[in-house]
Amino acid sequence: LGRIGKEVALRMQSFQMRTIGYDPVIPPEVTDQFGVQQ
């Protein structure tokens, strides 16, 4: 869920997809801000 993963999430959310993910480094509270539940 780094730079590319974040940009993918933001674009696919426009298709009303549910975006979930996994990243061992980036905290869940950070990915929550761009709509990805870890």
ModelCIF file with pLDDT and N, C-alpha, C, O atoms, coordinates in Angstrom:
data_MODEL
#
_entry.id   MODEL 
#
_entity.id                         1 
_entity.type                       polymer 
_entity.pdbx_number_of_molecules   1 
#
_entity_poly.entity_id                      1 
_entity_poly.type                           'polypeptide(L)' 
_entity_poly.nstd_linkage                   no 
_entity_poly.nstd_monomer                   no 
_entity_poly.pdbx_seq_one_letter_code       LGRIGKEVALRMQSFQMRTIGYDPVIPPEVTDQFGVQQ 
_entity_poly.pdbx_seq_one_letter_code_can   LGRIGKEVALRMQSFQMRTIGYDPVIPPEVTDQFGVQQ 
_entity_poly.pdbx_strand_id                 A 
#
loop_
_entity_poly_seq.entity_id 
_entity_poly_seq.num 
_entity_poly_seq.mon_id 
_entity_poly_seq.hetero 
1 1  LEU n 
1 2  GLY n 
1 3  ARG n 
1 4  ILE n 
1 5  GLY n 
1 6  LYS n 
1 7  GLU n 
1 8  VAL n 
1 9  ALA n 
1 10 LEU n 
1 11 ARG n 
1 12 MET n 
1 13 GLN n 
1 14 SER n 
1 15 PHE n 
1 16 GLN n 
1 17 MET n 
1 18 ARG n 
1 19 THR n 
1 20 ILE n 
1 21 GLY n 
1 22 TYR n 
1 23 ASP n 
1 24 PRO n 
1 25 VAL n 
1 26 ILE n 
1 27 PRO n 
1 28 PRO n 
1 29 GLU n 
1 30 VAL n 
1 31 THR n 
1 32 ASP n 
1 33 GLN n 
1 34 PHE n 
1 35 GLY n 
1 36 VAL n 
1 37 GLN n 
1 38 GLN n 
#
_struct_asym.id          A 
_struct_asym.entity_id   1 
#
loop_
_ma_qa_metric.id 
_ma_qa_metric.mode 
_ma_qa_metric.name 
_ma_qa_metric.software_group_id 
_ma_qa_metric.type 
1 global pLDDT . pLDDT 
2 local  pLDDT . pLDDT 
#
_ma_qa_metric_global.metric_id      1 
_ma_qa_metric_global.metric_value   97.03 
_ma_qa_metric_global.model_id       1 
_ma_qa_metric_global.ordinal_id     1 
#
loop_
_ma_qa_metric_local.label_asym_id 
_ma_qa_metric_local.label_comp_id 
_ma_qa_metric_local.label_seq_id 
_ma_qa_metric_local.metric_id 
_ma_qa_metric_local.metric_value 
_ma_qa_metric_local.model_id 
_ma_qa_metric_local.ordinal_id 
A LEU 1  2 97.00 1 1  
A GLY 2  2 94.00 1 2  
A ARG 3  2 93.00 1 3  
A ILE 4  2 95.00 1 4  
A GLY 5  2 97.00 1 5  
A LYS 6  2 98.00 1 6  
A GLU 7  2 98.00 1 7  
A VAL 8  2 98.00 1 8  
A ALA 9  2 98.00 1 9  
A LEU 10 2 98.00 1 10 
A ARG 11 2 98.00 1 11 
A MET 12 2 98.00 1 12 
A GLN 13 2 98.00 1 13 
A SER 14 2 98.00 1 14 
A PHE 15 2 98.00 1 15 
A GLN 16 2 98.00 1 16 
A MET 17 2 98.00 1 17 
A ARG 18 2 98.00 1 18 
A THR 19 2 98.00 1 19 
A ILE 20 2 98.00 1 20 
A GLY 21 2 98.00 1 21 
A TYR 22 2 98.00 1 22 
A ASP 23 2 97.00 1 23 
A PRO 24 2 95.00 1 24 
A VAL 25 2 94.00 1 25 
A ILE 26 2 96.00 1 26 
A PRO 27 2 95.00 1 27 
A PRO 28 2 96.00 1 28 
A GLU 29 2 96.00 1 29 
A VAL 30 2 97.00 1 30 
A THR 31 2 97.00 1 31 
A ASP 32 2 97.00 1 32 
A GLN 33 2 97.00 1 33 
A PHE 34 2 97.00 1 34 
A GLY 35 2 97.00 1 35 
A VAL 36 2 98.00 1 36 
A GLN 37 2 98.00 1 37 
A GLN 38 2 98.00 1 38 
#
loop_
_atom_site.group_PDB 
_atom_site.id 
_atom_site.type_symbol 
_atom_site.label_atom_id 
_atom_site.label_alt_id 
_atom_site.label_comp_id 
_atom_site.label_asym_id 
_atom_site.label_entity_id 
_atom_site.label_seq_id 
_atom_site.pdbx_PDB_ins_code 
_atom_site.Cartn_x 
_atom_site.Cartn_y 
_atom_site.Cartn_z 
_atom_site.occupancy 
_atom_site.B_iso_or_equiv 
_atom_site.pdbx_formal_charge 
_atom_site.auth_seq_id 
_atom_site.auth_comp_id 
_atom_site.auth_asym_id 
_atom_site.auth_atom_id 
_atom_site.pdbx_PDB_model_num 
ATOM 1   N N  . LEU A 1 1  ? 0.823   -1.218 0.000  1.00 97.00 ? 1  LEU A N  1 
ATOM 2   C CA . LEU A 1 1  ? 0.000   0.000  0.000  1.00 97.00 ? 1  LEU A CA 1 
ATOM 3   C C  . LEU A 1 1  ? 0.853   1.262  0.000  1.00 97.00 ? 1  LEU A C  1 
ATOM 4   O O  . LEU A 1 1  ? 0.518   2.256  0.645  1.00 97.00 ? 1  LEU A O  1 
ATOM 5   N N  . GLY A 1 2  ? 1.954   1.204  -0.731 1.00 94.00 ? 2  GLY A N  1 
ATOM 6   C CA . GLY A 1 2  ? 2.783   2.394  -0.914 1.00 94.00 ? 2  GLY A CA 1 
ATOM 7   C C  . GLY A 1 2  ? 2.179   3.317  -1.948 1.00 94.00 ? 2  GLY A C  1 
ATOM 8   O O  . GLY A 1 2  ? 0.961   3.373  -2.112 1.00 94.00 ? 2  GLY A O  1 
ATOM 9   N N  . ARG A 1 3  ? 3.048   4.047  -2.650 1.00 93.00 ? 3  ARG A N  1 
ATOM 10  C CA . ARG A 1 3  ? 2.563   5.061  -3.592 1.00 93.00 ? 3  ARG A CA 1 
ATOM 11  C C  . ARG A 1 3  ? 1.663   4.475  -4.674 1.00 93.00 ? 3  ARG A C  1 
ATOM 12  O O  . ARG A 1 3  ? 0.585   5.009  -4.938 1.00 93.00 ? 3  ARG A O  1 
ATOM 13  N N  . ILE A 1 4  ? 2.096   3.378  -5.305 1.00 95.00 ? 4  ILE A N  1 
ATOM 14  C CA . ILE A 1 4  ? 1.321   2.811  -6.406 1.00 95.00 ? 4  ILE A CA 1 
ATOM 15  C C  . ILE A 1 4  ? 0.048   2.169  -5.884 1.00 95.00 ? 4  ILE A C  1 
ATOM 16  O O  . ILE A 1 4  ? -1.027  2.362  -6.452 1.00 95.00 ? 4  ILE A O  1 
ATOM 17  N N  . GLY A 1 5  ? 0.165   1.403  -4.801 1.00 97.00 ? 5  GLY A N  1 
ATOM 18  C CA . GLY A 1 5  ? -1.016  0.773  -4.232 1.00 97.00 ? 5  GLY A CA 1 
ATOM 19  C C  . GLY A 1 5  ? -2.076  1.788  -3.849 1.00 97.00 ? 5  GLY A C  1 
ATOM 20  O O  . GLY A 1 5  ? -3.266  1.556  -4.060 1.00 97.00 ? 5  GLY A O  1 
ATOM 21  N N  . LYS A 1 6  ? -1.657  2.902  -3.293 1.00 98.00 ? 6  LYS A N  1 
ATOM 22  C CA . LYS A 1 6  ? -2.601  3.958  -2.924 1.00 98.00 ? 6  LYS A CA 1 
ATOM 23  C C  . LYS A 1 6  ? -3.300  4.519  -4.153 1.00 98.00 ? 6  LYS A C  1 
ATOM 24  O O  . LYS A 1 6  ? -4.516  4.709  -4.142 1.00 98.00 ? 6  LYS A O  1 
ATOM 25  N N  . GLU A 1 7  ? -2.534  4.787  -5.220 1.00 98.00 ? 7  GLU A N  1 
ATOM 26  C CA . GLU A 1 7  ? -3.132  5.363  -6.434 1.00 98.00 ? 7  GLU A CA 1 
ATOM 27  C C  . GLU A 1 7  ? -4.104  4.386  -7.080 1.00 98.00 ? 7  GLU A C  1 
ATOM 28  O O  . GLU A 1 7  ? -5.132  4.804  -7.613 1.00 98.00 ? 7  GLU A O  1 
ATOM 29  N N  . VAL A 1 8  ? -3.797  3.089  -7.042 1.00 98.00 ? 8  VAL A N  1 
ATOM 30  C CA . VAL A 1 8  ? -4.730  2.089  -7.564 1.00 98.00 ? 8  VAL A CA 1 
ATOM 31  C C  . VAL A 1 8  ? -6.030  2.121  -6.770 1.00 98.00 ? 8  VAL A C  1 
ATOM 32  O O  . VAL A 1 8  ? -7.117  2.097  -7.348 1.00 98.00 ? 8  VAL A O  1 
ATOM 33  N N  . ALA A 1 9  ? -5.920  2.176  -5.453 1.00 98.00 ? 9  ALA A N  1 
ATOM 34  C CA . ALA A 1 9  ? -7.111  2.191  -4.594 1.00 98.00 ? 9  ALA A CA 1 
ATOM 35  C C  . ALA A 1 9  ? -8.007  3.376  -4.913 1.00 98.00 ? 9  ALA A C  1 
ATOM 36  O O  . ALA A 1 9  ? -9.217  3.219  -5.073 1.00 98.00 ? 9  ALA A O  1 
ATOM 37  N N  . LEU A 1 10 ? -7.421  4.552  -5.004 1.00 98.00 ? 10 LEU A N  1 
ATOM 38  C CA . LEU A 1 10 ? -8.223  5.755  -5.252 1.00 98.00 ? 10 LEU A CA 1 
ATOM 39  C C  . LEU A 1 10 ? -8.954  5.667  -6.583 1.00 98.00 ? 10 LEU A C  1 
ATOM 40  O O  . LEU A 1 10 ? -10.097 6.112  -6.689 1.00 98.00 ? 10 LEU A O  1 
ATOM 41  N N  . ARG A 1 11 ? -8.317  5.102  -7.594 1.00 98.00 ? 11 ARG A N  1 
ATOM 42  C CA . ARG A 1 11 ? -8.958  5.018  -8.910 1.00 98.00 ? 11 ARG A CA 1 
ATOM 43  C C  . ARG A 1 11 ? -10.050 3.958  -8.951 1.00 98.00 ? 11 ARG A C  1 
ATOM 44  O O  . ARG A 1 11 ? -11.113 4.177  -9.533 1.00 98.00 ? 11 ARG A O  1 
ATOM 45  N N  . MET A 1 12 ? -9.790  2.812  -8.334 1.00 98.00 ? 12 MET A N  1 
ATOM 46  C CA . MET A 1 12 ? -10.777 1.734  -8.403 1.00 98.00 ? 12 MET A CA 1 
ATOM 47  C C  . MET A 1 12 ? -11.969 1.989  -7.484 1.00 98.00 ? 12 MET A C  1 
ATOM 48  O O  . MET A 1 12 ? -13.033 1.398  -7.669 1.00 98.00 ? 12 MET A O  1 
ATOM 49  N N  . GLN A 1 13 ? -11.800 2.856  -6.507 1.00 98.00 ? 13 GLN A N  1 
ATOM 50  C CA . GLN A 1 13 ? -12.945 3.241  -5.672 1.00 98.00 ? 13 GLN A CA 1 
ATOM 51  C C  . GLN A 1 13 ? -13.992 3.999  -6.493 1.00 98.00 ? 13 GLN A C  1 
ATOM 52  O O  . GLN A 1 13 ? -15.173 4.005  -6.146 1.00 98.00 ? 13 GLN A O  1 
ATOM 53  N N  . SER A 1 14 ? -13.554 4.639  -7.584 1.00 98.00 ? 14 SER A N  1 
ATOM 54  C CA . SER A 1 14 ? -14.510 5.343  -8.449 1.00 98.00 ? 14 SER A CA 1 
ATOM 55  C C  . SER A 1 14 ? -15.421 4.364  -9.182 1.00 98.00 ? 14 SER A C  1 
ATOM 56  O O  . SER A 1 14 ? -16.466 4.756  -9.703 1.00 98.00 ? 14 SER A O  1 
ATOM 57  N N  . PHE A 1 15 ? -15.025 3.076  -9.224 1.00 98.00 ? 15 PHE A N  1 
ATOM 58  C CA . PHE A 1 15 ? -15.888 2.027  -9.773 1.00 98.00 ? 15 PHE A CA 1 
ATOM 59  C C  . PHE A 1 15 ? -16.781 1.426  -8.683 1.00 98.00 ? 15 PHE A C  1 
ATOM 60  O O  . PHE A 1 15 ? -17.472 0.432  -8.912 1.00 98.00 ? 15 PHE A O  1 
ATOM 61  N N  . GLN A 1 16 ? -16.758 2.040  -7.495 1.00 98.00 ? 16 GLN A N  1 
ATOM 62  C CA . GLN A 1 16 ? -17.479 1.538  -6.318 1.00 98.00 ? 16 GLN A CA 1 
ATOM 63  C C  . GLN A 1 16 ? -17.006 0.135  -5.924 1.00 98.00 ? 16 GLN A C  1 
ATOM 64  O O  . GLN A 1 16 ? -17.789 -0.697 -5.467 1.00 98.00 ? 16 GLN A O  1 
ATOM 65  N N  . MET A 1 17 ? -15.713 -0.101 -6.111 1.00 98.00 ? 17 MET A N  1 
ATOM 66  C CA . MET A 1 17 ? -15.142 -1.329 -5.581 1.00 98.00 ? 17 MET A CA 1 
ATOM 67  C C  . MET A 1 17 ? -14.816 -1.145 -4.105 1.00 98.00 ? 17 MET A C  1 
ATOM 68  O O  . MET A 1 17 ? -14.474 -0.043 -3.675 1.00 98.00 ? 17 MET A O  1 
ATOM 69  N N  . ARG A 1 18 ? -14.920 -2.202 -3.341 1.00 98.00 ? 18 ARG A N  1 
ATOM 70  C CA . ARG A 1 18 ? -14.459 -2.209 -1.958 1.00 98.00 ? 18 ARG A CA 1 
ATOM 71  C C  . ARG A 1 18 ? -12.959 -2.507 -1.988 1.00 98.00 ? 18 ARG A C  1 
ATOM 72  O O  . ARG A 1 18 ? -12.534 -3.513 -2.557 1.00 98.00 ? 18 ARG A O  1 
ATOM 73  N N  . THR A 1 19 ? -12.175 -1.645 -1.386 1.00 98.00 ? 19 THR A N  1 
ATOM 74  C CA . THR A 1 19 ? -10.721 -1.814 -1.415 1.00 98.00 ? 19 THR A CA 1 
ATOM 75  C C  . THR A 1 19 ? -10.212 -2.215 -0.032 1.00 98.00 ? 19 THR A C  1 
ATOM 76  O O  . THR A 1 19 ? -10.400 -1.506 0.956  1.00 98.00 ? 19 THR A O  1 
ATOM 77  N N  . ILE A 1 20 ? -9.559  -3.383 0.002  1.00 98.00 ? 20 ILE A N  1 
ATOM 78  C CA . ILE A 1 20 ? -8.922  -3.855 1.223  1.00 98.00 ? 20 ILE A CA 1 
ATOM 79  C C  . ILE A 1 20 ? -7.448  -4.077 0.897  1.00 98.00 ? 20 ILE A C  1 
ATOM 80  O O  . ILE A 1 20 ? -7.059  -4.001 -0.268 1.00 98.00 ? 20 ILE A O  1 
ATOM 81  N N  . GLY A 1 21 ? -6.628  -4.349 1.900  1.00 98.00 ? 21 GLY A N  1 
ATOM 82  C CA . GLY A 1 21 ? -5.221  -4.526 1.586  1.00 98.00 ? 21 GLY A CA 1 
ATOM 83  C C  . GLY A 1 21 ? -4.391  -5.030 2.740  1.00 98.00 ? 21 GLY A C  1 
ATOM 84  O O  . GLY A 1 21 ? -4.876  -5.280 3.844  1.00 98.00 ? 21 GLY A O  1 
ATOM 85  N N  . TYR A 1 22 ? -3.112  -5.169 2.429  1.00 98.00 ? 22 TYR A N  1 
ATOM 86  C CA . TYR A 1 22 ? -2.133  -5.636 3.423  1.00 98.00 ? 22 TYR A CA 1 
ATOM 87  C C  . TYR A 1 22 ? -0.813  -4.934 3.163  1.00 98.00 ? 22 TYR A C  1 
ATOM 88  O O  . TYR A 1 22 ? -0.368  -4.828 2.019  1.00 98.00 ? 22 TYR A O  1 
ATOM 89  N N  . ASP A 1 23 ? -0.188  -4.453 4.235  1.00 97.00 ? 23 ASP A N  1 
ATOM 90  C CA . ASP A 1 23 ? 1.155   -3.876 4.155  1.00 97.00 ? 23 ASP A CA 1 
ATOM 91  C C  . ASP A 1 23 ? 1.796   -4.010 5.525  1.00 97.00 ? 23 ASP A C  1 
ATOM 92  O O  . ASP A 1 23 ? 1.241   -3.530 6.514  1.00 97.00 ? 23 ASP A O  1 
ATOM 93  N N  . PRO A 1 24 ? 2.966   -4.658 5.604  1.00 95.00 ? 24 PRO A N  1 
ATOM 94  C CA . PRO A 1 24 ? 3.598   -4.868 6.910  1.00 95.00 ? 24 PRO A CA 1 
ATOM 95  C C  . PRO A 1 24 ? 4.250   -3.613 7.477  1.00 95.00 ? 24 PRO A C  1 
ATOM 96  O O  . PRO A 1 24 ? 4.665   -3.609 8.636  1.00 95.00 ? 24 PRO A O  1 
ATOM 97  N N  . VAL A 1 25 ? 4.350   -2.549 6.683  1.00 94.00 ? 25 VAL A N  1 
ATOM 98  C CA . VAL A 1 25 ? 5.062   -1.347 7.120  1.00 94.00 ? 25 VAL A CA 1 
ATOM 99  C C  . VAL A 1 25 ? 4.109   -0.184 7.371  1.00 94.00 ? 25 VAL A C  1 
ATOM 100 O O  . VAL A 1 25 ? 4.209   0.491  8.396  1.00 94.00 ? 25 VAL A O  1 
ATOM 101 N N  . ILE A 1 26 ? 3.193   0.051  6.450  1.00 96.00 ? 26 ILE A N  1 
ATOM 102 C CA . ILE A 1 26 ? 2.313   1.220  6.546  1.00 96.00 ? 26 ILE A CA 1 
ATOM 103 C C  . ILE A 1 26 ? 1.176   0.930  7.525  1.00 96.00 ? 26 ILE A C  1 
ATOM 104 O O  . ILE A 1 26 ? 0.458   -0.056 7.359  1.00 96.00 ? 26 ILE A O  1 
ATOM 105 N N  . PRO A 1 27 ? 1.002   1.780  8.547  1.00 95.00 ? 27 PRO A N  1 
ATOM 106 C CA . PRO A 1 27 ? -0.006  1.520  9.579  1.00 95.00 ? 27 PRO A CA 1 
ATOM 107 C C  . PRO A 1 27 ? -1.429  1.592  9.017  1.00 95.00 ? 27 PRO A C  1 
ATOM 108 O O  . PRO A 1 27 ? -1.683  2.341  8.074  1.00 95.00 ? 27 PRO A O  1 
ATOM 109 N N  . PRO A 1 28 ? -2.358  0.820  9.588  1.00 96.00 ? 28 PRO A N  1 
ATOM 110 C CA . PRO A 1 28 ? -3.755  0.841  9.136  1.00 96.00 ? 28 PRO A CA 1 
ATOM 111 C C  . PRO A 1 28 ? -4.393  2.226  9.201  1.00 96.00 ? 28 PRO A C  1 
ATOM 112 O O  . PRO A 1 28 ? -5.226  2.572  8.363  1.00 96.00 ? 28 PRO A O  1 
ATOM 113 N N  . GLU A 1 29 ? -3.993  3.027  10.212 1.00 96.00 ? 29 GLU A N  1 
ATOM 114 C CA . GLU A 1 29 ? -4.602  4.357  10.322 1.00 96.00 ? 29 GLU A CA 1 
ATOM 115 C C  . GLU A 1 29 ? -4.230  5.246  9.142  1.00 96.00 ? 29 GLU A C  1 
ATOM 116 O O  . GLU A 1 29 ? -4.972  6.170  8.806  1.00 96.00 ? 29 GLU A O  1 
ATOM 117 N N  . VAL A 1 30 ? -3.090  4.978  8.510  1.00 97.00 ? 30 VAL A N  1 
ATOM 118 C CA . VAL A 1 30 ? -2.700  5.743  7.319  1.00 97.00 ? 30 VAL A CA 1 
ATOM 119 C C  . VAL A 1 30 ? -3.521  5.299  6.119  1.00 97.00 ? 30 VAL A C  1 
ATOM 120 O O  . VAL A 1 30 ? -4.025  6.140  5.375  1.00 97.00 ? 30 VAL A O  1 
ATOM 121 N N  . THR A 1 31 ? -3.665  4.000  5.917  1.00 97.00 ? 31 THR A N  1 
ATOM 122 C CA . THR A 1 31 ? -4.422  3.519  4.754  1.00 97.00 ? 31 THR A CA 1 
ATOM 123 C C  . THR A 1 31 ? -5.911  3.771  4.901  1.00 97.00 ? 31 THR A C  1 
ATOM 124 O O  . THR A 1 31 ? -6.621  3.889  3.902  1.00 97.00 ? 31 THR A O  1 
ATOM 125 N N  . ASP A 1 32 ? -6.395  3.857  6.139  1.00 97.00 ? 32 ASP A N  1 
ATOM 126 C CA . ASP A 1 32 ? -7.803  4.224  6.357  1.00 97.00 ? 32 ASP A CA 1 
ATOM 127 C C  . ASP A 1 32 ? -8.121  5.569  5.717  1.00 97.00 ? 32 ASP A C  1 
ATOM 128 O O  . ASP A 1 32 ? -9.234  5.797  5.243  1.00 97.00 ? 32 ASP A O  1 
ATOM 129 N N  . GLN A 1 33 ? -7.126  6.459  5.709  1.00 97.00 ? 33 GLN A N  1 
ATOM 130 C CA . GLN A 1 33 ? -7.346  7.801  5.181  1.00 97.00 ? 33 GLN A CA 1 
ATOM 131 C C  . GLN A 1 33 ? -7.580  7.808  3.680  1.00 97.00 ? 33 GLN A C  1 
ATOM 132 O O  . GLN A 1 33 ? -8.202  8.736  3.163  1.00 97.00 ? 33 GLN A O  1 
ATOM 133 N N  . PHE A 1 34 ? -7.092  6.784  2.958  1.00 97.00 ? 34 PHE A N  1 
ATOM 134 C CA . PHE A 1 34 ? -7.418  6.725  1.525  1.00 97.00 ? 34 PHE A CA 1 
ATOM 135 C C  . PHE A 1 34 ? -8.299  5.517  1.196  1.00 97.00 ? 34 PHE A C  1 
ATOM 136 O O  . PHE A 1 34 ? -8.272  4.997  0.080  1.00 97.00 ? 34 PHE A O  1 
ATOM 137 N N  . GLY A 1 35 ? -9.075  5.085  2.184  1.00 97.00 ? 35 GLY A N  1 
ATOM 138 C CA . GLY A 1 35 ? -10.158 4.157  1.923  1.00 97.00 ? 35 GLY A CA 1 
ATOM 139 C C  . GLY A 1 35 ? -9.786  2.698  1.802  1.00 97.00 ? 35 GLY A C  1 
ATOM 140 O O  . GLY A 1 35 ? -10.521 1.928  1.183  1.00 97.00 ? 35 GLY A O  1 
ATOM 141 N N  . VAL A 1 36 ? -8.654  2.289  2.383  1.00 98.00 ? 36 VAL A N  1 
ATOM 142 C CA . VAL A 1 36 ? -8.260  0.881  2.331  1.00 98.00 ? 36 VAL A CA 1 
ATOM 143 C C  . VAL A 1 36 ? -8.218  0.320  3.746  1.00 98.00 ? 36 VAL A C  1 
ATOM 144 O O  . VAL A 1 36 ? -7.458  0.788  4.594  1.00 98.00 ? 36 VAL A O  1 
ATOM 145 N N  . GLN A 1 37 ? -9.046  -0.687 3.985  1.00 98.00 ? 37 GLN A N  1 
ATOM 146 C CA . GLN A 1 37 ? -9.052  -1.363 5.277  1.00 98.00 ? 37 GLN A CA 1 
ATOM 147 C C  . GLN A 1 37 ? -8.047  -2.500 5.229  1.00 98.00 ? 37 GLN A C  1 
ATOM 148 O O  . GLN A 1 37 ? -8.067  -3.315 4.307  1.00 98.00 ? 37 GLN A O  1 
ATOM 149 N N  . GLN A 1 38 ? -7.168  -2.554 6.224  1.00 98.00 ? 38 GLN A N  1 
ATOM 150 C CA . GLN A 1 38 ? -6.137  -3.586 6.224  1.00 98.00 ? 38 GLN A CA 1 
ATOM 151 C C  . GLN A 1 38 ? -6.592  -4.844 6.964  1.00 98.00 ? 38 GLN A C  1 
ATOM 152 O O  . GLN A 1 38 ? -5.839  -5.813 7.056  1.00 98.00 ? 38 GLN A O  1 
#
